[in-house]
Amino acid sequence: MPELAVLLPGGRRHVLSLSFVRDGDEFLARLETDGGHITELKNRSLDQLLTLVAGELEDLLA
């Protein structure tokens, strides 16, 4: 999955890697920053998983 470079206010730079995988009846998401922070989420509902990922991204970029 390609990486996305994001320039944040104050000149800080983070590189995000975001991937999605389906494992049987569950959906998995993995978010990684250049600072070494890794968040892994899973849910049986893709809609709910996407909502969780959006919240994580919002917190990271806020």
PDB file of N, CA and C in Angstrom:
ATOM      1  N   MET A   1       0.855  -1.174   0.000  1.00  0.00           N
ATOM      2  CA  MET A   1       0.000   0.000   0.000  1.00  0.00           C
ATOM      3  C   MET A   1       0.896   1.231   0.000  1.00  0.00           C
ATOM      4  N   PRO A   2       0.635   2.213  -0.830  1.00  0.00           N
ATOM      5  CA  PRO A   2       1.480   3.412  -0.870  1.00  0.00           C
ATOM      6  C   PRO A   2       1.344   4.237   0.400  1.00  0.00           C
ATOM      7  N   GLU A   3       2.394   4.969   0.714  1.00  0.00           N
ATOM      8  CA  GLU A   3       2.380   5.824   1.893  1.00  0.00           C
ATOM      9  C   GLU A   3       1.962   7.229   1.504  1.00  0.00           C
ATOM     10  N   LEU A   4       1.343   7.917   2.434  1.00  0.00           N
ATOM     11  CA  LEU A   4       0.848   9.266   2.212  1.00  0.00           C
ATOM     12  C   LEU A   4       1.579  10.202   3.159  1.00  0.00           C
ATOM     13  N   ALA A   5       2.289  11.178   2.608  1.00  0.00           N
ATOM     14  CA  ALA A   5       2.989  12.147   3.445  1.00  0.00           C
ATOM     15  C   ALA A   5       2.038  13.313   3.717  1.00  0.00           C
ATOM     16  N   VAL A   6       1.905  13.684   4.967  1.00  0.00           N
ATOM     17  CA  VAL A   6       0.995  14.754   5.369  1.00  0.00           C
ATOM     18  C   VAL A   6       1.786  15.799   6.130  1.00  0.00           C
ATOM     19  N   LEU A   7       1.705  17.048   5.695  1.00  0.00           N
ATOM     20  CA  LEU A   7       2.348  18.152   6.397  1.00  0.00           C
ATOM     21  C   LEU A   7       1.314  18.785   7.318  1.00  0.00           C
ATOM     22  N   LEU A   8       1.586  18.751   8.605  1.00  0.00           N
ATOM     23  CA  LEU A   8       0.652  19.270   9.601  1.00  0.00           C
ATOM     24  C   LEU A   8       1.012  20.705   9.984  1.00  0.00           C
ATOM     25  N   PRO A   9       0.063  21.438  10.576  1.00  0.00           N
ATOM     26  CA  PRO A   9       0.368  22.788  11.057  1.00  0.00           C
ATOM     27  C   PRO A   9       1.584  22.766  11.983  1.00  0.00           C
ATOM     28  N   GLY A  10       2.394  23.779  11.903  1.00  0.00           N
ATOM     29  CA  GLY A  10       3.599  23.846  12.719  1.00  0.00           C
ATOM     30  C   GLY A  10       4.789  23.174  12.047  1.00  0.00           C
ATOM     31  N   GLY A  11       4.609  22.682  10.818  1.00  0.00           N
ATOM     32  CA  GLY A  11       5.721  22.097  10.084  1.00  0.00           C
ATOM     33  C   GLY A  11       6.040  20.656  10.433  1.00  0.00           C
ATOM     34  N   ARG A  12       5.258  20.042  11.323  1.00  0.00           N
ATOM     35  CA  ARG A  12       5.518  18.635  11.653  1.00  0.00           C
ATOM     36  C   ARG A  12       5.100  17.763  10.485  1.00  0.00           C
ATOM     37  N   ARG A  13       5.850  16.702  10.256  1.00  0.00           N
ATOM     38  CA  ARG A  13       5.562  15.811   9.138  1.00  0.00           C
ATOM     39  C   ARG A  13       5.337  14.397   9.649  1.00  0.00           C
ATOM     40  N   HIS A  14       4.274  13.776   9.204  1.00  0.00           N
ATOM     41  CA  HIS A  14       3.966  12.397   9.557  1.00  0.00           C
ATOM     42  C   HIS A  14       3.763  11.600   8.272  1.00  0.00           C
ATOM     43  N   VAL A  15       4.191  10.371   8.262  1.00  0.00           N
ATOM     44  CA  VAL A  15       3.935   9.471   7.147  1.00  0.00           C
ATOM     45  C   VAL A  15       2.946   8.425   7.639  1.00  0.00           C
ATOM     46  N   LEU A  16       1.832   8.298   6.952  1.00  0.00           N
ATOM     47  CA  LEU A  16       0.791   7.360   7.358  1.00  0.00           C
ATOM     48  C   LEU A  16       0.738   6.188   6.397  1.00  0.00           C
ATOM     49  N   SER A  17       0.571   5.012   6.945  1.00  0.00           N
ATOM     50  CA  SER A  17       0.327   3.817   6.155  1.00  0.00           C
ATOM     51  C   SER A  17      -0.986   3.239   6.670  1.00  0.00           C
ATOM     52  N   LEU A  18      -1.928   3.004   5.778  1.00  0.00           N
ATOM     53  CA  LEU A  18      -3.237   2.507   6.173  1.00  0.00           C
ATOM     54  C   LEU A  18      -3.581   1.320   5.294  1.00  0.00           C
ATOM     55  N   SER A  19      -3.901   0.196   5.919  1.00  0.00           N
ATOM     56  CA  SER A  19      -4.257  -0.992   5.141  1.00  0.00           C
ATOM     57  C   SER A  19      -5.505  -1.644   5.715  1.00  0.00           C
ATOM     58  N   PHE A  20      -6.248  -2.302   4.837  1.00  0.00           N
ATOM     59  CA  PHE A  20      -7.462  -3.018   5.203  1.00  0.00           C
ATOM     60  C   PHE A  20      -7.351  -4.454   4.708  1.00  0.00           C
ATOM     61  N   VAL A  21      -7.848  -5.403   5.524  1.00  0.00           N
ATOM     62  CA  VAL A  21      -7.830  -6.820   5.173  1.00  0.00           C
ATOM     63  C   VAL A  21      -9.131  -7.446   5.654  1.00  0.00           C
ATOM     64  N   ARG A  22      -9.629  -8.384   4.884  1.00  0.00           N
ATOM     65  CA  ARG A  22     -10.783  -9.165   5.344  1.00  0.00           C
ATOM     66  C   ARG A  22     -10.272 -10.529   5.773  1.00  0.00           C
ATOM     67  N   ASP A  23     -10.644 -10.923   6.988  1.00  0.00           N
ATOM     68  CA  ASP A  23     -10.231 -12.209   7.538  1.00  0.00           C
ATOM     69  C   ASP A  23     -11.491 -12.974   7.937  1.00  0.00           C
ATOM     70  N   GLY A  24     -11.957 -13.838   7.052  1.00  0.00           N
ATOM     71  CA  GLY A  24     -13.204 -14.560   7.319  1.00  0.00           C
ATOM     72  C   GLY A  24     -14.372 -13.599   7.373  1.00  0.00           C
ATOM     73  N   ASP A  25     -15.029 -13.533   8.531  1.00  0.00           N
ATOM     74  CA  ASP A  25     -16.179 -12.627   8.667  1.00  0.00           C
ATOM     75  C   ASP A  25     -15.826 -11.340   9.400  1.00  0.00           C
ATOM     76  N   GLU A  26     -14.537 -11.063   9.566  1.00  0.00           N
ATOM     77  CA  GLU A  26     -14.093  -9.820  10.205  1.00  0.00           C
ATOM     78  C   GLU A  26     -13.263  -8.977   9.226  1.00  0.00           C
ATOM     79  N   PHE A  27     -13.327  -7.681   9.431  1.00  0.00           N
ATOM     80  CA  PHE A  27     -12.519  -6.737   8.670  1.00  0.00           C
ATOM     81  C   PHE A  27     -11.463  -6.160   9.606  1.00  0.00           C
ATOM     82  N   LEU A  28     -10.243  -6.043   9.120  1.00  0.00           N
ATOM     83  CA  LEU A  28      -9.135  -5.526   9.918  1.00  0.00           C
ATOM     84  C   LEU A  28      -8.572  -4.276   9.257  1.00  0.00           C
ATOM     85  N   ALA A  29      -8.145  -3.328  10.081  1.00  0.00           N
ATOM     86  CA  ALA A  29      -7.478  -2.121   9.591  1.00  0.00           C
ATOM     87  C   ALA A  29      -6.214  -1.916  10.416  1.00  0.00           C
ATOM     88  N   ARG A  30      -5.150  -1.431   9.758  1.00  0.00           N
ATOM     89  CA  ARG A  30      -3.884  -1.157  10.442  1.00  0.00           C
ATOM     90  C   ARG A  30      -3.397   0.218  10.001  1.00  0.00           C
ATOM     91  N   LEU A  31      -3.144   1.080  10.968  1.00  0.00           N
ATOM     92  CA  LEU A  31      -2.683   2.444  10.730  1.00  0.00           C
ATOM     93  C   LEU A  31      -1.324   2.602  11.396  1.00  0.00           C
ATOM     94  N   GLU A  32      -0.332   3.091  10.649  1.00  0.00           N
ATOM     95  CA  GLU A  32       1.018   3.268  11.191  1.00  0.00           C
ATOM     96  C   GLU A  32       1.538   4.672  10.864  1.00  0.00           C
ATOM     97  N   THR A  33       2.163   5.305  11.863  1.00  0.00           N
ATOM     98  CA  THR A  33       2.767   6.624  11.645  1.00  0.00           C
ATOM     99  C   THR A  33       4.277   6.490  11.623  1.00  0.00           C
ATOM    100  N   ASP A  34       4.949   7.528  11.143  1.00  0.00           N
ATOM    101  CA  ASP A  34       6.411   7.504  11.098  1.00  0.00           C
ATOM    102  C   ASP A  34       7.023   7.555  12.486  1.00  0.00           C
ATOM    103  N   GLY A  35       6.239   7.929  13.481  1.00  0.00           N
ATOM    104  CA  GLY A  35       6.713   7.945  14.862  1.00  0.00           C
ATOM    105  C   GLY A  35       6.660   6.567  15.514  1.00  0.00           C
ATOM    106  N   GLY A  36       6.243   5.560  14.746  1.00  0.00           N
ATOM    107  CA  GLY A  36       6.210   4.207  15.271  1.00  0.00           C
ATOM    108  C   GLY A  36       4.899   3.816  15.917  1.00  0.00           C
ATOM    109  N   HIS A  37       3.926   4.717  15.919  1.00  0.00           N
ATOM    110  CA  HIS A  37       2.620   4.409  16.511  1.00  0.00           C
ATOM    111  C   HIS A  37       1.823   3.520  15.558  1.00  0.00           C
ATOM    112  N   ILE A  38       1.357   2.372  16.044  1.00  0.00           N
ATOM    113  CA  ILE A  38       0.562   1.452  15.238  1.00  0.00           C
ATOM    114  C   ILE A  38      -0.777   1.240  15.926  1.00  0.00           C
ATOM    115  N   THR A  39      -1.842   1.392  15.153  1.00  0.00           N
ATOM    116  CA  THR A  39      -3.184   1.141  15.646  1.00  0.00           C
ATOM    117  C   THR A  39      -3.784   0.033  14.789  1.00  0.00           C
ATOM    118  N   GLU A  40      -4.265  -1.009  15.433  1.00  0.00           N
ATOM    119  CA  GLU A  40      -4.937  -2.090  14.724  1.00  0.00           C
ATOM    120  C   GLU A  40      -6.368  -2.190  15.234  1.00  0.00           C
ATOM    121  N   LEU A  41      -7.303  -2.219  14.302  1.00  0.00           N
ATOM    122  CA  LEU A  41      -8.723  -2.261  14.641  1.00  0.00           C
ATOM    123  C   LEU A  41      -9.375  -3.411  13.892  1.00  0.00           C
ATOM    124  N   LYS A  42     -10.388  -4.021  14.492  1.00  0.00           N
ATOM    125  CA  LYS A  42     -11.148  -5.032  13.778  1.00  0.00           C
ATOM    126  C   LYS A  42     -12.616  -4.940  14.158  1.00  0.00           C
ATOM    127  N   ASN A  43     -13.465  -5.340  13.205  1.00  0.00           N
ATOM    128  CA  ASN A  43     -14.899  -5.280  13.418  1.00  0.00           C
ATOM    129  C   ASN A  43     -15.570  -6.189  12.397  1.00  0.00           C
ATOM    130  N   ARG A  44     -16.719  -6.711  12.750  1.00  0.00           N
ATOM    131  CA  ARG A  44     -17.472  -7.559  11.809  1.00  0.00           C
ATOM    132  C   ARG A  44     -18.192  -6.717  10.765  1.00  0.00           C
ATOM    133  N   SER A  45     -18.404  -5.443  11.055  1.00  0.00           N
ATOM    134  CA  SER A  45     -19.098  -4.542  10.136  1.00  0.00           C
ATOM    135  C   SER A  45     -18.098  -3.598   9.487  1.00  0.00           C
ATOM    136  N   LEU A  46     -18.029  -3.608   8.167  1.00  0.00           N
ATOM    137  CA  LEU A  46     -17.107  -2.718   7.463  1.00  0.00           C
ATOM    138  C   LEU A  46     -17.453  -1.257   7.718  1.00  0.00           C
ATOM    139  N   ASP A  47     -18.733  -0.925   7.742  1.00  0.00           N
ATOM    140  CA  ASP A  47     -19.156   0.455   8.015  1.00  0.00           C
ATOM    141  C   ASP A  47     -18.648   0.933   9.371  1.00  0.00           C
ATOM    142  N   GLN A  48     -18.786   0.091  10.387  1.00  0.00           N
ATOM    143  CA  GLN A  48     -18.336   0.468  11.731  1.00  0.00           C
ATOM    144  C   GLN A  48     -16.814   0.579  11.783  1.00  0.00           C
ATOM    145  N   LEU A  49     -16.117  -0.314  11.089  1.00  0.00           N
ATOM    146  CA  LEU A  49     -14.661  -0.247  11.049  1.00  0.00           C
ATOM    147  C   LEU A  49     -14.196   1.050  10.396  1.00  0.00           C
ATOM    148  N   LEU A  50     -14.831   1.427   9.297  1.00  0.00           N
ATOM    149  CA  LEU A  50     -14.465   2.677   8.623  1.00  0.00           C
ATOM    150  C   LEU A  50     -14.728   3.884   9.522  1.00  0.00           C
ATOM    151  N   THR A  51     -15.781   3.841  10.319  1.00  0.00           N
ATOM    152  CA  THR A  51     -16.065   4.922  11.269  1.00  0.00           C
ATOM    153  C   THR A  51     -14.966   4.998  12.331  1.00  0.00           C
ATOM    154  N   LEU A  52     -14.521   3.837  12.838  1.00  0.00           N
ATOM    155  CA  LEU A  52     -13.431   3.814  13.820  1.00  0.00           C
ATOM    156  C   LEU A  52     -12.137   4.365  13.231  1.00  0.00           C
ATOM    157  N   VAL A  53     -11.823   3.968  12.002  1.00  0.00           N
ATOM    158  CA  VAL A  53     -10.605   4.446  11.334  1.00  0.00           C
ATOM    159  C   VAL A  53     -10.681   5.950  11.113  1.00  0.00           C
ATOM    160  N   ALA A  54     -11.841   6.441  10.679  1.00  0.00           N
ATOM    161  CA  ALA A  54     -12.005   7.884  10.474  1.00  0.00           C
ATOM    162  C   ALA A  54     -11.770   8.641  11.779  1.00  0.00           C
ATOM    163  N   GLY A  55     -12.261   8.119  12.881  1.00  0.00           N
ATOM    164  CA  GLY A  55     -12.027   8.754  14.192  1.00  0.00           C
ATOM    165  C   GLY A  55     -10.560   8.780  14.559  1.00  0.00           C
ATOM    166  N   GLU A  56      -9.849   7.684  14.293  1.00  0.00           N
ATOM    167  CA  GLU A  56      -8.403   7.637  14.576  1.00  0.00           C
ATOM    168  C   GLU A  56      -7.663   8.665  13.730  1.00  0.00           C
ATOM    169  N   LEU A  57      -8.006   8.762  12.452  1.00  0.00           N
ATOM    170  CA  LEU A  57      -7.356   9.735  11.569  1.00  0.00           C
ATOM    171  C   LEU A  57      -7.649  11.160  12.013  1.00  0.00           C
ATOM    172  N   GLU A  58      -8.883  11.411  12.406  1.00  0.00           N
ATOM    173  CA  GLU A  58      -9.264  12.738  12.884  1.00  0.00           C
ATOM    174  C   GLU A  58      -8.450  13.123  14.111  1.00  0.00           C
ATOM    175  N   ASP A  59      -8.300  12.187  15.053  1.00  0.00           N
ATOM    176  CA  ASP A  59      -7.504  12.449  16.264  1.00  0.00           C
ATOM    177  C   ASP A  59      -6.045  12.708  15.917  1.00  0.00           C
ATOM    178  N   LEU A  60      -5.512  11.945  14.980  1.00  0.00           N
ATOM    179  CA  LEU A  60      -4.113  12.081  14.596  1.00  0.00           C
ATOM    180  C   LEU A  60      -3.847  13.431  13.929  1.00  0.00           C
ATOM    181  N   LEU A  61      -4.764  13.867  13.105  1.00  0.00           N
ATOM    182  CA  LEU A  61      -4.552  15.097  12.337  1.00  0.00           C
ATOM    183  C   LEU A  61      -5.064  16.347  13.035  1.00  0.00           C
ATOM    184  N   ALA A  62      -5.697  16.194  14.195  1.00  0.00           N
ATOM    185  CA  ALA A  62      -6.239  17.353  14.921  1.00  0.00           C
ATOM    186  C   ALA A  62      -5.157  18.112  15.645  1.00  0.00           C
TER     187      ALA A  62
END
